[in-house]
Amino acid sequence: MISRLVYDSTASNTRELQGQSPYIINAALLYDSFDSKTTATLLLNVFGRRLSEVMRGGMPDVYEKPRMMVDFTFSQGIFGGLNFKFSAKNIIDEKVSKVIEYKGLEYIFREHSMGRSFSVGLSYKI
């Protein structure tokens, strides 16, 4: 850590744990009707800025910026043992953004999108 102070006098002597967010929010909205054979689930996950990569030498550490993820699943019993299911993952598709802070400025280290995924299915239960 001392070598960082040579390059950046504002650098800290301490750091948080790698991968540890200051907050995590998980929420679920669920619907389940036995009579109509319908289920629906909406899931939300948000996490705070977290240390992603600890760098060596004079390089500043890499932080992952907060982002929100939303998933949705819907299932409907049709008749008998036949069931329809629809699923959407990562609906918002916020970018995964990793940044470096140096002398009060933020620089993009790496940024990418994870993409959305959708699935539709039919199943039959004997």
Protein backbone atom coordinates (compact mmCIF):
# COMPACT_ATOMS: atom_id res chain seq x y z
CA MET A 1 0.00 0.00 0.00
CA ILE A 2 2.90 2.35 0.67
CA SER A 3 3.92 2.27 -3.03
CA ARG A 4 0.54 3.77 -3.96
CA LEU A 5 1.20 6.79 -1.81
CA VAL A 6 4.27 7.52 -3.94
CA TYR A 7 2.03 7.91 -7.03
CA ASP A 8 -1.10 9.27 -5.34
CA SER A 9 -0.75 11.18 -2.09
CA THR A 10 -4.55 11.01 -1.62
CA ALA A 11 -4.57 7.16 -1.61
CA SER A 12 -5.81 5.46 1.55
CA ASN A 13 -3.75 3.17 3.78
CA THR A 14 -6.75 0.84 4.19
CA ARG A 15 -9.34 -0.78 1.91
CA GLU A 16 -12.59 -2.72 2.20
CA LEU A 17 -12.82 -6.48 1.63
CA GLN A 18 -12.77 -7.59 -2.00
CA GLY A 19 -16.28 -8.37 -3.31
CA GLN A 20 -17.99 -6.93 -0.21
CA SER A 21 -20.79 -4.45 -0.94
CA PRO A 22 -21.81 -1.87 1.65
CA TYR A 23 -25.42 -2.91 0.96
CA ILE A 24 -27.40 -5.59 -0.86
CA ILE A 25 -31.12 -5.40 -1.56
CA ASN A 26 -33.07 -8.50 -2.56
CA ALA A 27 -36.81 -8.28 -3.05
CA ALA A 28 -39.38 -10.74 -4.36
CA LEU A 29 -42.98 -10.29 -5.42
CA LEU A 30 -44.74 -13.66 -5.61
CA TYR A 31 -48.17 -14.76 -6.80
CA ASP A 32 -49.40 -18.34 -6.50
CA SER A 33 -52.98 -19.43 -7.18
CA PHE A 34 -53.70 -23.09 -6.60
CA ASP A 35 -57.19 -22.74 -8.12
CA SER A 36 -56.09 -21.21 -11.44
CA LYS A 37 -52.72 -23.05 -11.48
CA THR A 38 -50.96 -19.72 -12.02
CA THR A 39 -47.66 -18.63 -10.50
CA ALA A 40 -45.65 -15.47 -11.11
CA THR A 41 -42.40 -14.29 -9.57
CA LEU A 42 -40.65 -10.94 -9.90
CA LEU A 43 -37.16 -10.77 -8.38
CA LEU A 44 -35.02 -7.68 -7.79
CA ASN A 45 -31.36 -7.52 -6.76
CA VAL A 46 -29.30 -4.38 -6.17
CA PHE A 47 -25.83 -4.15 -4.67
CA GLY A 48 -23.59 -1.27 -3.74
CA ARG A 49 -20.19 -0.34 -5.13
CA ARG A 50 -17.72 -3.10 -4.37
CA LEU A 51 -14.03 -3.75 -4.68
CA SER A 52 -13.61 -6.00 -7.71
CA GLU A 53 -9.87 -6.36 -8.22
CA VAL A 54 -7.02 -5.55 -5.87
CA MET A 55 -4.12 -4.21 -7.89
CA ARG A 56 -0.42 -4.39 -7.03
CA GLY A 57 2.23 -1.73 -7.00
CA GLY A 58 1.11 1.79 -7.76
CA MET A 59 -2.06 0.84 -9.66
CA PRO A 60 -5.37 1.91 -8.09
CA ASP A 61 -7.87 -0.84 -7.22
CA VAL A 62 -10.77 -1.67 -9.56
CA TYR A 63 -14.35 -1.17 -8.30
CA GLU A 64 -17.60 -2.53 -9.72
CA LYS A 65 -20.30 0.13 -9.84
CA PRO A 66 -23.77 -0.58 -8.39
CA ARG A 67 -26.34 -2.12 -10.71
CA MET A 68 -29.82 -3.56 -10.59
CA MET A 69 -30.95 -6.98 -11.86
CA VAL A 70 -34.59 -7.97 -12.43
CA ASP A 71 -35.91 -11.45 -13.27
CA PHE A 72 -39.48 -12.56 -14.03
CA THR A 73 -41.06 -16.02 -14.22
CA PHE A 74 -44.65 -16.92 -15.14
CA SER A 75 -46.14 -20.41 -15.06
CA GLN A 76 -49.65 -21.48 -16.02
CA GLY A 77 -51.25 -24.90 -15.74
CA ILE A 78 -53.19 -25.45 -18.97
CA PHE A 79 -55.07 -28.71 -18.47
CA GLY A 80 -54.34 -32.08 -16.94
CA GLY A 81 -50.61 -32.23 -16.29
CA LEU A 82 -49.67 -29.76 -19.07
CA ASN A 83 -47.89 -26.61 -17.89
CA PHE A 84 -46.66 -23.49 -19.74
CA LYS A 85 -43.68 -21.49 -18.41
CA PHE A 86 -42.11 -18.19 -19.46
CA SER A 87 -38.92 -16.78 -17.95
CA ALA A 88 -37.04 -13.51 -18.48
CA LYS A 89 -33.64 -13.00 -16.85
CA ASN A 90 -31.74 -9.74 -16.43
CA ILE A 91 -34.59 -7.69 -17.91
CA ILE A 92 -33.00 -4.27 -17.30
CA ASP A 93 -29.58 -5.41 -18.60
CA GLU A 94 -27.56 -2.68 -16.89
CA LYS A 95 -23.93 -2.69 -17.93
CA VAL A 96 -21.32 -4.27 -15.69
CA SER A 97 -19.06 -1.29 -15.17
CA LYS A 98 -15.67 -1.57 -13.49
CA VAL A 99 -13.81 1.64 -12.78
CA ILE A 100 -10.56 2.96 -11.37
CA GLU A 101 -10.50 6.12 -9.27
CA TYR A 102 -7.37 8.21 -9.47
CA LYS A 103 -6.93 11.62 -7.85
CA GLY A 104 -10.67 12.12 -7.54
CA LEU A 105 -11.50 11.16 -11.14
CA GLU A 106 -13.19 7.96 -12.31
CA TYR A 107 -11.89 6.04 -15.34
CA ILE A 108 -13.61 3.06 -17.00
CA PHE A 109 -11.42 -0.03 -16.59
CA ARG A 110 -13.82 -2.52 -18.20
CA GLU A 111 -17.47 -2.34 -19.23
CA HIS A 112 -19.75 -4.92 -20.80
CA SER A 113 -23.35 -6.05 -20.99
CA MET A 114 -24.37 -9.49 -19.76
CA GLY A 115 -27.43 -9.55 -22.03
CA ARG A 116 -31.00 -10.60 -21.44
CA SER A 117 -32.25 -14.17 -21.71
CA PHE A 118 -35.75 -15.46 -22.33
CA SER A 119 -37.14 -18.95 -22.27
CA VAL A 120 -40.49 -20.53 -23.03
CA GLY A 121 -41.40 -24.09 -22.23
CA LEU A 122 -44.11 -26.69 -22.01
CA SER A 123 -43.97 -29.54 -19.57
CA TYR A 124 -46.21 -32.47 -18.77
CA LYS A 125 -46.44 -34.02 -15.34
CA ILE A 126 -47.69 -37.61 -15.15
